[in-house]
Protein backbone atom coordinates (compact mmCIF):
# COMPACT_ATOMS: atom_id res chain seq x y z
CA MET A 1 0.00 0.00 0.00
CA ILE A 2 1.39 3.39 -1.03
CA GLU A 3 0.14 6.78 0.21
CA ILE A 4 0.07 9.60 -2.42
CA GLU A 5 -0.04 13.44 -1.91
CA SER A 6 -3.85 13.63 -2.13
CA GLY A 7 -4.08 11.48 0.95
CA CYS A 8 -5.38 8.56 -1.05
CA PHE A 9 -3.82 5.16 -1.20
CA THR A 10 -3.04 2.77 -3.99
CA TYR A 11 -1.95 -0.87 -3.98
CA SER A 12 0.75 -2.74 -5.88
CA GLU A 13 1.55 -6.45 -5.94
CA PHE A 14 4.95 -8.15 -6.21
CA ASP A 15 6.41 -11.61 -5.57
CA LEU A 16 8.69 -12.12 -2.58
CA TYR A 17 10.91 -15.24 -2.63
CA VAL A 18 12.53 -16.44 0.57
CA ARG A 19 15.57 -18.58 -0.05
CA ALA A 20 17.10 -20.79 2.63
CA VAL A 21 20.62 -19.82 3.63
CA PRO A 22 23.00 -22.74 2.99
CA GLN A 23 23.93 -24.67 6.09
CA ASP A 24 27.56 -24.52 7.17
CA ILE A 25 29.56 -27.10 5.24
CA GLU A 26 30.76 -30.15 7.15
CA LEU A 27 34.37 -31.08 6.45
CA VAL A 28 36.28 -34.03 7.87
CA SER A 29 38.39 -32.63 10.70
CA PRO A 30 41.04 -33.24 11.65
CA LEU A 31 42.64 -34.54 8.47
CA TYR A 32 46.16 -35.94 8.52
CA TYR A 33 48.73 -35.23 5.85
CA CYS A 34 51.39 -37.96 5.72
CA LEU A 35 54.86 -36.61 5.07
CA ASN A 36 55.75 -39.94 3.48
CA ALA A 37 52.78 -39.78 1.07
CA ASP A 38 53.35 -39.90 -2.69
CA GLY A 39 51.41 -36.68 -3.27
CA PRO A 40 49.38 -33.91 -1.64
CA LEU A 41 46.26 -34.39 0.46
CA GLN A 42 42.88 -33.99 -1.25
CA LEU A 43 40.44 -31.71 0.58
CA THR A 44 36.87 -31.93 -0.74
CA VAL A 45 33.54 -30.30 0.18
CA THR A 46 30.04 -30.81 -1.15
CA SER A 47 29.67 -30.13 -4.86
CA GLY A 48 26.79 -28.26 -6.50
CA TYR A 49 27.46 -24.72 -5.28
CA THR A 50 28.04 -21.86 -7.70
CA TYR A 51 31.26 -20.54 -6.25
CA TYR A 52 33.97 -21.65 -3.82
CA SER A 53 36.50 -19.42 -2.11
CA TRP A 54 39.28 -20.97 0.00
CA ASN A 55 41.36 -19.11 2.56
CA ASN A 56 44.59 -20.24 0.89
CA GLY A 57 43.77 -18.04 -2.09
CA GLN A 58 42.19 -20.60 -4.37
CA GLU A 59 38.71 -19.81 -5.65
CA GLY A 60 36.46 -20.45 -8.58
CA ALA A 61 33.20 -21.89 -9.84
CA ASN A 62 32.73 -25.54 -8.92
CA LEU A 63 36.10 -25.62 -7.11
CA ASN A 64 34.97 -28.01 -4.42
CA THR A 65 38.33 -29.86 -4.27
CA ILE A 66 41.80 -28.52 -3.53
CA PHE A 67 45.12 -30.24 -2.81
CA VAL A 68 47.23 -29.29 0.21
CA ASP A 69 50.65 -30.31 1.48
CA SER A 70 51.04 -28.24 4.63
CA PRO A 71 49.27 -28.14 8.00
CA GLY A 72 46.79 -25.48 9.05
CA ILE A 73 43.15 -24.50 9.26
CA TYR A 74 41.55 -24.54 5.82
CA ILE A 75 38.31 -22.55 5.43
CA VAL A 76 36.03 -22.52 2.40
CA THR A 77 33.17 -20.13 1.69
CA VAL A 78 30.53 -21.53 -0.65
CA THR A 79 27.99 -19.45 -2.52
CA ASN A 80 24.77 -20.78 -4.00
CA GLU A 81 22.90 -19.53 -7.07
CA PHE A 82 21.00 -16.98 -4.96
CA GLY A 83 24.17 -15.37 -3.59
CA CYS A 84 23.82 -16.90 -0.13
CA ASP A 85 27.01 -18.00 1.64
CA ALA A 86 28.05 -20.71 4.05
CA ILE A 87 31.44 -21.77 5.38
CA GLY A 88 33.27 -24.95 6.25
CA LYS A 89 36.62 -25.58 7.87
CA SER A 90 39.06 -28.42 8.41
CA ASN A 91 42.21 -28.72 10.50
CA VAL A 92 45.01 -30.41 8.54
CA ILE A 93 47.66 -31.96 10.80
CA ILE A 94 51.02 -33.42 9.78
CA SER A 95 51.73 -37.04 10.58
CA ASN A 96 54.36 -39.49 9.41
CA GLU A 97 55.60 -43.04 9.42
CA ALA A 98 57.96 -43.72 12.33
CA THR A 99 61.72 -43.79 11.90
CA ILE A 100 63.45 -46.41 14.04
CA ASP A 101 66.57 -44.82 15.48
CA SER A 102 67.66 -47.78 17.59
CA ILE A 103 66.41 -50.86 19.40
CA GLU A 104 67.92 -51.67 22.78
CA VAL A 105 67.65 -55.30 23.87
CA ASP A 106 68.31 -56.30 27.47
CA CYS A 107 69.26 -59.98 27.17
CA PHE A 108 70.37 -62.78 29.50
CA ASN A 109 68.12 -61.45 32.24
CA ALA A 110 65.14 -63.81 32.23
CA PRO A 111 62.38 -63.32 33.18
CA ASN A 112 63.15 -59.61 32.90
CA ASN A 113 64.41 -59.42 29.31
CA SER A 114 63.20 -56.21 27.69
CA ILE A 115 63.09 -54.40 24.35
CA THR A 116 63.19 -50.60 24.07
CA VAL A 117 62.31 -49.15 20.66
CA ASN A 118 63.56 -45.60 20.08
CA VAL A 119 61.77 -43.81 17.25
CA THR A 120 61.34 -40.30 15.88
CA GLY A 121 58.54 -38.90 13.77
CA GLU A 122 55.55 -36.57 13.74
CA GLY A 123 52.94 -39.32 14.16
CA ASP A 124 50.99 -40.94 16.98
CA TYR A 125 52.38 -44.42 17.38
CA ILE A 126 51.37 -47.79 18.75
CA TYR A 127 53.90 -50.57 19.25
CA TYR A 128 53.35 -54.22 18.35
CA LEU A 129 55.30 -57.33 19.18
CA ASP A 130 55.00 -60.48 17.06
CA ASP A 131 52.04 -59.73 14.79
CA GLY A 132 50.05 -57.96 17.47
CA GLN A 133 50.35 -60.59 20.20
CA VAL A 134 51.34 -57.61 22.34
CA SER A 135 50.22 -54.05 21.46
CA GLN A 136 50.82 -50.96 23.54
CA THR A 137 51.51 -47.23 23.46
CA SER A 138 54.74 -47.64 25.43
CA ASN A 139 57.96 -48.15 23.49
CA VAL A 140 59.27 -50.60 26.12
CA PHE A 141 58.35 -54.29 26.08
CA ASN A 142 58.99 -56.11 29.34
CA SER A 143 59.29 -59.81 30.22
CA VAL A 144 60.16 -60.76 26.63
CA SER A 145 60.93 -64.40 25.97
CA SER A 146 64.15 -65.44 24.27
CA GLY A 147 64.21 -66.00 20.54
CA ILE A 148 63.48 -64.09 17.37
CA HIS A 149 60.82 -61.37 17.61
CA THR A 150 59.30 -58.85 15.24
CA VAL A 151 58.72 -55.31 16.49
CA CYS A 152 56.32 -53.06 14.52
CA ILE A 153 55.43 -49.40 14.96
CA GLU A 154 52.16 -48.21 13.42
CA ASP A 155 51.10 -44.61 12.90
CA LEU A 156 47.54 -44.30 14.23
CA ASN A 157 46.83 -41.57 11.67
CA GLY A 158 47.21 -43.96 8.75
CA CYS A 159 50.70 -43.02 7.59
CA GLY A 160 52.20 -46.51 7.66
CA THR A 161 53.88 -49.22 9.69
CA VAL A 162 57.56 -50.09 10.02
CA CYS A 163 58.89 -53.40 11.37
CA ARG A 164 62.21 -54.76 12.51
CA GLU A 165 63.25 -58.30 13.40
CA ILE A 166 65.39 -58.63 16.51
CA ALA A 167 66.89 -61.40 18.63
CA VAL A 168 66.46 -61.65 22.38
CA LEU A 169 69.18 -63.92 23.75
CA GLU A 170 68.85 -66.13 26.77
CA TYR A 171 70.94 -69.07 27.87
CA PRO A 172 69.56 -72.41 29.12
CA ARG A 173 70.14 -72.89 32.83
CA PHE A 174 70.73 -76.61 32.30
CA PHE A 175 70.81 -79.31 29.64
CA THR A 176 70.65 -83.12 29.62
CA PRO A 177 72.89 -84.77 26.98
CA ASN A 178 71.29 -88.23 27.11
CA SER A 179 70.47 -88.58 23.37
CA ASP A 180 66.71 -88.54 23.90
CA GLY A 181 66.30 -85.82 21.29
CA TYR A 182 65.29 -83.22 23.85
CA ASN A 183 67.63 -80.65 25.40
CA ASP A 184 70.65 -82.68 24.34
CA THR A 185 72.86 -79.70 23.57
CA TRP A 186 73.55 -76.40 25.25
CA ARG A 187 73.24 -73.44 22.91
CA ILE A 188 72.08 -69.83 22.93
CA LYS A 189 69.11 -69.43 20.64
CA GLY A 190 69.40 -66.52 18.23
CA MET A 191 73.20 -66.36 18.10
CA GLU A 192 73.05 -66.90 14.35
CA ARG A 193 71.69 -63.35 14.10
CA PHE A 194 75.07 -61.98 15.20
CA PRO A 195 77.79 -62.80 12.66
CA GLY A 196 81.13 -63.25 14.35
CA ALA A 197 79.63 -63.90 17.79
CA GLU A 198 81.52 -66.39 19.94
CA VAL A 199 80.82 -68.40 23.08
CA TYR A 200 83.49 -70.05 25.24
CA ILE A 201 82.63 -72.76 27.76
CA PHE A 202 84.85 -73.37 30.81
CA ASP A 203 85.04 -75.72 33.73
CA ARG A 204 85.25 -74.42 37.29
CA TYR A 205 89.02 -74.06 36.97
CA GLY A 206 88.83 -71.81 33.91
CA LYS A 207 89.85 -74.44 31.37
CA ILE A 208 88.28 -73.89 27.94
CA LEU A 209 86.24 -76.95 27.06
CA HIS A 210 84.40 -75.83 23.95
CA HIS A 211 84.10 -72.93 21.53
CA ILE A 212 80.78 -72.06 19.85
CA ASN A 213 80.56 -69.62 16.96
CA ASP A 214 77.48 -68.20 15.25
CA ASN A 215 77.20 -71.26 12.96
CA ASN A 216 77.75 -73.90 15.65
CA ASP A 217 74.97 -76.20 16.84
CA GLY A 218 76.01 -75.94 20.48
CA TRP A 219 77.81 -78.08 23.02
CA ASP A 220 76.99 -81.76 23.51
CA GLY A 221 78.84 -82.17 26.83
CA LEU A 222 81.92 -83.79 25.32
CA TYR A 223 85.55 -82.80 25.67
CA LYS A 224 87.91 -84.32 23.11
CA GLY A 225 85.28 -86.97 22.42
CA ARG A 226 84.66 -88.10 25.97
CA PRO A 227 81.63 -87.18 28.09
CA LEU A 228 82.17 -84.81 30.97
CA PRO A 229 80.37 -85.40 34.28
CA SER A 230 77.26 -83.71 35.62
CA SER A 231 78.38 -80.41 37.10
CA ASP A 232 78.17 -76.64 36.78
CA TYR A 233 79.94 -75.03 33.85
CA TRP A 234 80.71 -71.43 32.96
CA PHE A 235 80.48 -69.50 29.71
CA LYS A 236 81.47 -66.19 28.16
CA VAL A 237 79.62 -64.55 25.22
CA ILE A 238 81.42 -62.10 22.94
CA ILE A 239 79.33 -60.09 20.45
CA ASP A 240 80.70 -57.08 18.60
CA GLY A 241 79.26 -53.84 19.91
CA LYS A 242 77.71 -55.42 23.01
CA PRO A 243 78.95 -55.87 26.58
CA GLU A 244 80.60 -59.19 27.33
CA VAL A 245 78.25 -61.61 29.09
CA LYS A 246 79.29 -64.26 31.59
CA GLY A 247 77.22 -66.87 33.37
CA HIS A 248 76.95 -70.50 34.36
CA PHE A 249 74.69 -73.48 33.76
CA SER A 250 74.34 -77.09 34.81
CA MET A 251 74.87 -80.26 32.84
CA ILE A 252 72.72 -83.10 34.15
CA ARG A 253 73.34 -86.68 33.03
CA ARG A 254 70.47 -89.08 33.58
């Protein structure tokens, strides 16, 4: 209704269209960019809008996908055909596959043998022992049995898994060389993983009775072809780059 100078009124009709404002765009957040990835990270929002404007300077019609290779908050403003805007944002965080710097193995200390895995990297890691038989967030495995083990470190953000095979050494406290096919020789399991490693076996007077290298099957309780008696015997383990280990064990003849 419009009032004119004469004090009279007139009427005019027009169409009024109410358009819904677009809802804010939902983006996956956080997103993780793997530094070890083959290419940049794809960041995508809903298609079908007329115009897209990203806070990293990229903009254009139908530009609902961009590629990023650095961390930060990425914001997109979308515009529909009626000129109405909505925004969406995503936090891109760097992650990475772990790098194993070193693995420290505390051997010959049963039942307290341990493995400490020292890693660096930008990821969030979980540690596995032997195909997931043990999984934990700590990088230290305690009470590890002797033998060959596989340690794996997985990035929880999907950037990969690295594994390393290691040997945990432990010596038998006794053996029974009676030719029954069980426990007939004394040997340190896993020594073959250390080329050049040597073991010397002594009697109580310090006399060398046997020498075991990394390819040897062990000691059968003989000295110059004759069986030695049941008793305690001593040994010394020499492995390059590791402290010398000494100990003793029993030979039991039945």
